[in-house]
N, C-alpha and C. Protein backbone atom coordinates (compact mmCIF):
# COMPACT_ATOMS: atom_id res chain seq x y z
N MET A 1 0.88 -0.82 0.18
CA MET A 1 -0.05 0.21 -0.07
C MET A 1 0.89 1.42 0.39
N GLU A 2 0.24 1.84 -0.71
CA GLU A 2 1.30 3.98 -0.89
C GLU A 2 0.55 4.53 -0.48
N LEU A 3 1.21 5.71 -0.12
CA LEU A 3 0.30 6.90 0.23
C LEU A 3 0.12 7.74 -0.86
N ILE A 4 -0.07 8.38 -1.27
CA ILE A 4 -0.28 9.03 -2.40
C ILE A 4 -0.52 10.60 -2.44
N ASP A 5 -0.20 11.39 -2.58
CA ASP A 5 -0.52 12.74 -2.96
C ASP A 5 -1.20 13.76 -3.93
N LEU A 6 -2.04 14.00 -3.60
CA LEU A 6 -3.28 14.73 -5.00
C LEU A 6 -3.35 16.02 -4.72
N GLN A 7 -3.07 16.27 -5.44
CA GLN A 7 -3.58 18.06 -5.38
C GLN A 7 -5.16 18.45 -5.92
N CYS A 8 -6.30 18.42 -4.46
CA CYS A 8 -6.61 19.19 -5.35
C CYS A 8 -7.24 20.28 -5.95
N ASN A 9 -6.21 21.28 -5.07
CA ASN A 9 -6.58 22.71 -5.94
C ASN A 9 -6.15 23.37 -5.08
N SER A 10 -5.42 24.98 -5.32
CA SER A 10 -4.21 24.99 -4.15
C SER A 10 -3.96 25.57 -3.63
N GLU A 11 -5.96 25.07 -2.85
CA GLU A 11 -5.45 25.09 -1.56
C GLU A 11 -5.39 24.37 -1.00
N LEU A 12 -6.33 22.76 -0.90
CA LEU A 12 -6.30 21.59 -0.04
C LEU A 12 -5.70 20.97 -1.14
N LYS A 13 -4.69 20.07 0.02
CA LYS A 13 -3.81 18.66 -0.17
C LYS A 13 -4.74 17.80 0.15
N VAL A 14 -5.06 16.58 -0.05
CA VAL A 14 -5.48 15.62 0.15
C VAL A 14 -4.32 14.07 0.08
N LYS A 15 -4.48 13.43 1.13
CA LYS A 15 -3.74 11.53 0.75
C LYS A 15 -4.99 10.78 0.43
N PHE A 16 -4.31 10.71 -0.31
CA PHE A 16 -4.91 9.06 -0.86
C PHE A 16 -4.25 7.71 -0.49
N ARG A 17 -4.25 6.69 0.20
CA ARG A 17 -3.70 5.05 0.08
C ARG A 17 -4.63 4.54 -1.20
N GLU A 18 -3.42 4.01 -1.57
CA GLU A 18 -3.81 3.48 -3.10
C GLU A 18 -3.13 2.11 -2.68
N VAL A 19 -4.95 1.35 -2.58
CA VAL A 19 -4.34 -0.16 -2.39
C VAL A 19 -4.82 -1.21 -3.73
N HIS A 20 -4.02 -2.03 -3.90
CA HIS A 20 -3.69 -2.74 -4.77
C HIS A 20 -4.94 -3.75 -4.58
N TYR A 21 -5.46 -4.68 -6.04
CA TYR A 21 -6.31 -5.29 -5.66
C TYR A 21 -6.10 -6.53 -4.67
N ASP A 22 -4.73 -7.02 -5.58
CA ASP A 22 -4.51 -8.20 -4.81
C ASP A 22 -4.13 -8.14 -3.37
N GLU A 23 -3.84 -6.94 -2.49
CA GLU A 23 -4.00 -6.66 -0.98
C GLU A 23 -5.24 -6.06 -1.00
N PHE A 24 -5.78 -5.48 -1.87
CA PHE A 24 -7.58 -5.42 -0.85
C PHE A 24 -8.17 -6.83 -0.11
N ILE A 25 -8.44 -7.30 -1.20
CA ILE A 25 -9.31 -8.73 -0.94
C ILE A 25 -8.99 -9.13 0.29
N PRO A 26 -7.83 -9.52 0.80
CA PRO A 26 -7.23 -10.53 1.50
C PRO A 26 -7.69 -9.19 3.17
N MET A 27 -7.21 -7.84 3.18
CA MET A 27 -7.74 -6.69 3.73
C MET A 27 -9.04 -6.29 4.34
N PHE A 28 -9.66 -6.83 3.19
CA PHE A 28 -11.48 -6.61 3.03
C PHE A 28 -12.11 -7.96 4.01
N GLU A 29 -11.37 -9.25 3.36
CA GLU A 29 -12.17 -10.46 4.20
C GLU A 29 -11.73 -10.08 5.34
N LYS A 30 -10.31 -10.13 6.10
CA LYS A 30 -10.24 -10.01 7.99
C LYS A 30 -10.86 -8.78 8.37
N GLN A 31 -11.28 -7.64 7.14
CA GLN A 31 -12.16 -6.69 8.02
C GLN A 31 -13.27 -6.98 8.15
N TYR A 32 -14.24 -7.67 7.34
CA TYR A 32 -15.35 -7.71 7.52
C TYR A 32 -15.88 -9.78 6.94
N PRO A 33 -14.97 -10.90 7.89
CA PRO A 33 -15.34 -11.81 7.42
C PRO A 33 -17.18 -12.41 7.15
N GLN A 34 -17.60 -11.16 7.77
CA GLN A 34 -18.57 -11.83 7.13
C GLN A 34 -19.64 -11.87 6.09
N TYR A 35 -19.03 -10.82 5.04
CA TYR A 35 -18.66 -10.85 3.32
C TYR A 35 -17.63 -11.10 2.78
N PRO A 36 -17.69 -12.33 2.49
CA PRO A 36 -16.77 -12.86 1.72
C PRO A 36 -16.59 -12.57 0.48
N TRP A 37 -16.10 -11.55 -0.19
CA TRP A 37 -15.31 -11.25 -1.57
C TRP A 37 -16.30 -11.48 -1.89
N LYS A 38 -15.88 -12.84 -2.32
CA LYS A 38 -16.43 -13.71 -3.71
C LYS A 38 -18.30 -13.27 -4.23
N GLU A 39 -18.63 -13.24 -2.80
CA GLU A 39 -20.26 -13.08 -2.77
C GLU A 39 -20.32 -11.29 -2.68
N VAL A 40 -19.96 -10.72 -2.40
CA VAL A 40 -19.50 -9.11 -2.73
C VAL A 40 -19.48 -8.87 -4.10
N GLU A 41 -18.20 -9.27 -4.95
CA GLU A 41 -18.28 -9.27 -6.25
C GLU A 41 -18.97 -9.71 -6.44
N ALA A 42 -19.73 -10.89 -6.69
CA ALA A 42 -20.76 -11.05 -7.51
C ALA A 42 -21.59 -9.76 -7.48
N GLU A 43 -22.30 -9.61 -6.52
CA GLU A 43 -22.75 -8.48 -6.34
C GLU A 43 -23.22 -7.25 -7.33
N ILE A 44 -21.31 -6.95 -6.98
CA ILE A 44 -21.18 -6.14 -8.00
C ILE A 44 -21.17 -5.83 -8.95
N PHE A 45 -20.96 -7.42 -9.82
CA PHE A 45 -20.97 -7.35 -11.43
C PHE A 45 -22.45 -8.37 -11.90
N CYS A 46 -23.10 -8.75 -10.76
CA CYS A 46 -24.65 -8.25 -11.37
C CYS A 46 -25.10 -6.91 -11.13
N ALA A 47 -24.88 -5.84 -10.54
CA ALA A 47 -25.06 -4.72 -10.38
C ALA A 47 -24.99 -4.14 -11.88
N PHE A 48 -23.53 -3.97 -11.95
CA PHE A 48 -22.61 -3.59 -14.05
C PHE A 48 -23.54 -4.34 -15.19
N LYS A 49 -23.50 -5.49 -14.71
CA LYS A 49 -24.89 -6.29 -15.50
C LYS A 49 -25.76 -5.54 -16.11
N GLU A 50 -26.78 -5.30 -14.84
CA GLU A 50 -28.31 -4.69 -14.82
C GLU A 50 -27.81 -3.04 -15.73
N LEU A 51 -27.33 -2.45 -15.27
CA LEU A 51 -26.73 -1.14 -15.30
C LEU A 51 -26.86 -1.24 -17.22
N PHE A 52 -26.01 -1.63 -17.46
CA PHE A 52 -25.59 -2.10 -19.26
C PHE A 52 -26.33 -2.85 -19.96
N GLN A 53 -27.66 -3.53 -18.87
CA GLN A 53 -28.70 -4.04 -19.86
C GLN A 53 -29.12 -3.36 -20.23
N ALA A 54 -29.86 -2.19 -18.83
CA ALA A 54 -31.00 -1.07 -18.73
C ALA A 54 -30.57 -0.08 -19.70
N ALA A 55 -29.11 0.43 -19.85
CA ALA A 55 -28.57 1.07 -20.98
C ALA A 55 -28.27 0.76 -22.66
N SER A 56 -28.41 -0.56 -22.49
CA SER A 56 -28.84 -0.20 -23.94
C SER A 56 -29.86 -0.96 -24.49
N SER A 57 -31.51 -1.25 -23.58
CA SER A 57 -32.37 -1.46 -23.89
C SER A 57 -33.21 -1.11 -24.85
N ARG A 58 -32.74 0.28 -24.60
CA ARG A 58 -33.48 1.42 -25.64
C ARG A 58 -32.20 1.76 -26.87
N PRO A 59 -33.05 1.66 -28.14
CA PRO A 59 -32.02 3.06 -28.99
C PRO A 59 -31.68 3.85 -28.50
N ALA A 60 -30.44 4.41 -29.45
CA ALA A 60 -30.17 5.73 -28.86
C ALA A 60 -31.03 6.40 -29.64
N PRO A 61 -31.17 8.03 -29.02
CA PRO A 61 -30.35 8.39 -28.47
C PRO A 61 -30.86 7.93 -27.03
N ASN A 62 -31.79 7.71 -26.80
CA ASN A 62 -32.04 7.43 -25.64
C ASN A 62 -31.63 6.07 -24.17
N GLY A 63 -30.75 4.96 -25.21
CA GLY A 63 -29.71 4.47 -24.69
C GLY A 63 -28.47 4.66 -25.42
N ILE A 64 -27.87 3.40 -25.13
CA ILE A 64 -26.54 3.41 -25.53
C ILE A 64 -26.63 2.03 -26.70
N GLY A 65 -26.72 2.69 -28.09
CA GLY A 65 -26.84 2.18 -29.34
C GLY A 65 -25.58 1.44 -29.57
N SER A 66 -26.68 0.28 -30.50
CA SER A 66 -25.49 -0.68 -31.12
C SER A 66 -24.17 -0.11 -32.08
N TYR A 67 -22.74 -0.54 -32.31
CA TYR A 67 -22.01 0.07 -33.25
C TYR A 67 -21.07 -0.57 -33.27
N PRO A 68 -20.90 -1.75 -34.32
CA PRO A 68 -20.22 -2.94 -34.56
C PRO A 68 -18.70 -2.42 -34.29
N SER A 69 -18.34 -1.32 -34.93
CA SER A 69 -16.72 -1.35 -34.89
C SER A 69 -16.41 -0.57 -33.97
N SER A 70 -17.07 -0.11 -33.08
CA SER A 70 -16.70 0.62 -31.26
C SER A 70 -15.71 -0.64 -30.84
N ARG A 71 -14.70 0.71 -30.72
CA ARG A 71 -13.82 -0.21 -29.29
C ARG A 71 -14.01 0.41 -28.08
N ALA A 72 -15.07 0.79 -27.30
CA ALA A 72 -14.97 1.51 -26.13
C ALA A 72 -15.01 0.59 -25.22
N ILE A 73 -14.35 1.19 -24.18
CA ILE A 73 -14.14 0.69 -23.21
C ILE A 73 -14.18 1.00 -21.38
N TYR A 74 -15.15 0.54 -20.82
CA TYR A 74 -15.76 1.38 -19.71
C TYR A 74 -15.23 0.78 -18.17
N ALA A 75 -14.46 2.16 -17.90
CA ALA A 75 -14.08 1.92 -16.59
C ALA A 75 -14.86 2.31 -15.28
N VAL A 76 -14.99 1.92 -14.35
CA VAL A 76 -15.79 2.50 -12.97
C VAL A 76 -15.33 2.75 -11.90
N ASP A 77 -15.29 3.76 -11.14
CA ASP A 77 -14.38 3.77 -9.69
C ASP A 77 -15.71 3.57 -8.85
N LEU A 78 -15.14 2.13 -7.92
CA LEU A 78 -16.88 2.22 -7.44
C LEU A 78 -16.12 2.16 -5.78
N MET A 79 -17.03 2.66 -4.87
CA MET A 79 -17.11 3.26 -3.73
C MET A 79 -18.11 2.42 -3.07
N LEU A 80 -18.06 1.69 -1.97
CA LEU A 80 -18.80 0.33 -1.09
C LEU A 80 -19.40 1.04 -0.28
N LYS A 81 -20.70 1.23 -0.16
CA LYS A 81 -21.88 1.93 1.34
C LYS A 81 -22.99 0.96 1.95
N TRP A 82 -22.43 1.59 3.22
CA TRP A 82 -23.22 0.54 3.99
C TRP A 82 -24.72 1.17 3.93
N SER A 83 -25.30 -0.17 4.01
CA SER A 83 -26.99 0.32 4.27
C SER A 83 -26.93 -0.49 5.55
N THR A 84 -28.70 -0.13 5.77
CA THR A 84 -28.79 -0.35 6.96
C THR A 84 -30.30 -1.37 6.57
N GLY A 85 -30.26 -2.48 7.79
CA GLY A 85 -31.08 -3.24 7.82
C GLY A 85 -32.37 -3.22 8.17
N GLN A 86 -33.02 -3.72 8.70
CA GLN A 86 -34.45 -4.27 9.66
C GLN A 86 -34.45 -3.83 10.71
N ASN A 87 -33.42 -4.87 11.16
CA ASN A 87 -32.66 -4.60 12.96
C ASN A 87 -31.65 -3.50 12.96
N GLY A 88 -31.25 -2.62 11.82
CA GLY A 88 -30.85 -1.79 12.32
C GLY A 88 -28.75 -2.32 11.96
N GLU A 89 -28.35 -3.58 11.83
CA GLU A 89 -27.69 -3.24 11.04
C GLU A 89 -27.17 -3.39 9.88
N HIS A 90 -25.52 -3.30 9.81
CA HIS A 90 -25.16 -2.52 8.61
C HIS A 90 -25.01 -3.76 7.85
N LEU A 91 -25.38 -3.66 6.59
CA LEU A 91 -25.46 -4.51 5.09
C LEU A 91 -23.97 -3.76 4.48
N PHE A 92 -23.65 -4.44 3.24
CA PHE A 92 -22.75 -4.28 1.90
C PHE A 92 -24.42 -4.26 0.84
N PHE A 93 -25.10 -5.04 1.57
CA PHE A 93 -25.52 -5.27 -0.19
C PHE A 93 -27.37 -6.46 0.66
N GLU A 94 -27.91 -5.71 0.15
CA GLU A 94 -28.92 -6.89 0.66
C GLU A 94 -28.92 -8.11 -0.09
N ARG A 95 -29.13 -9.40 0.72
CA ARG A 95 -29.06 -11.03 0.55
C ARG A 95 -29.94 -11.12 0.04
N LYS A 96 -30.35 -11.52 -1.28
CA LYS A 96 -31.64 -11.53 -2.06
C LYS A 96 -31.51 -13.23 -2.29
N LYS A 97 -32.60 -13.87 -2.15
CA LYS A 97 -33.05 -15.29 -2.19
C LYS A 97 -32.85 -15.74 -3.75
N GLY A 98 -31.90 -16.82 -4.21
CA GLY A 98 -32.60 -17.08 -5.01
C GLY A 98 -31.07 -16.59 -6.20
N ARG A 99 -30.34 -15.78 -5.98
CA ARG A 99 -28.95 -15.44 -6.48
C ARG A 99 -27.94 -15.83 -5.61
């Protein structure tokens, strides 16, 4: 893990920790043993799939149109957020039956 200085503007200096994927997973699973990373990752991938299915379900300009010559690459910066369950417990995602 390395510390990175980013100059956000001329007055504010922010330090971020860059954690590479292969370091992140063991750290995550140690901190949140009740959430195996493979399950969290599967939910994230499912959300991405649903996003692109919805975005391509309508023709352009309302959706992402088909363009066979496209070599587009999509990237996502992702932040995980806690949700609150019915009993006040912290959840990364609601566990859905059948998934």
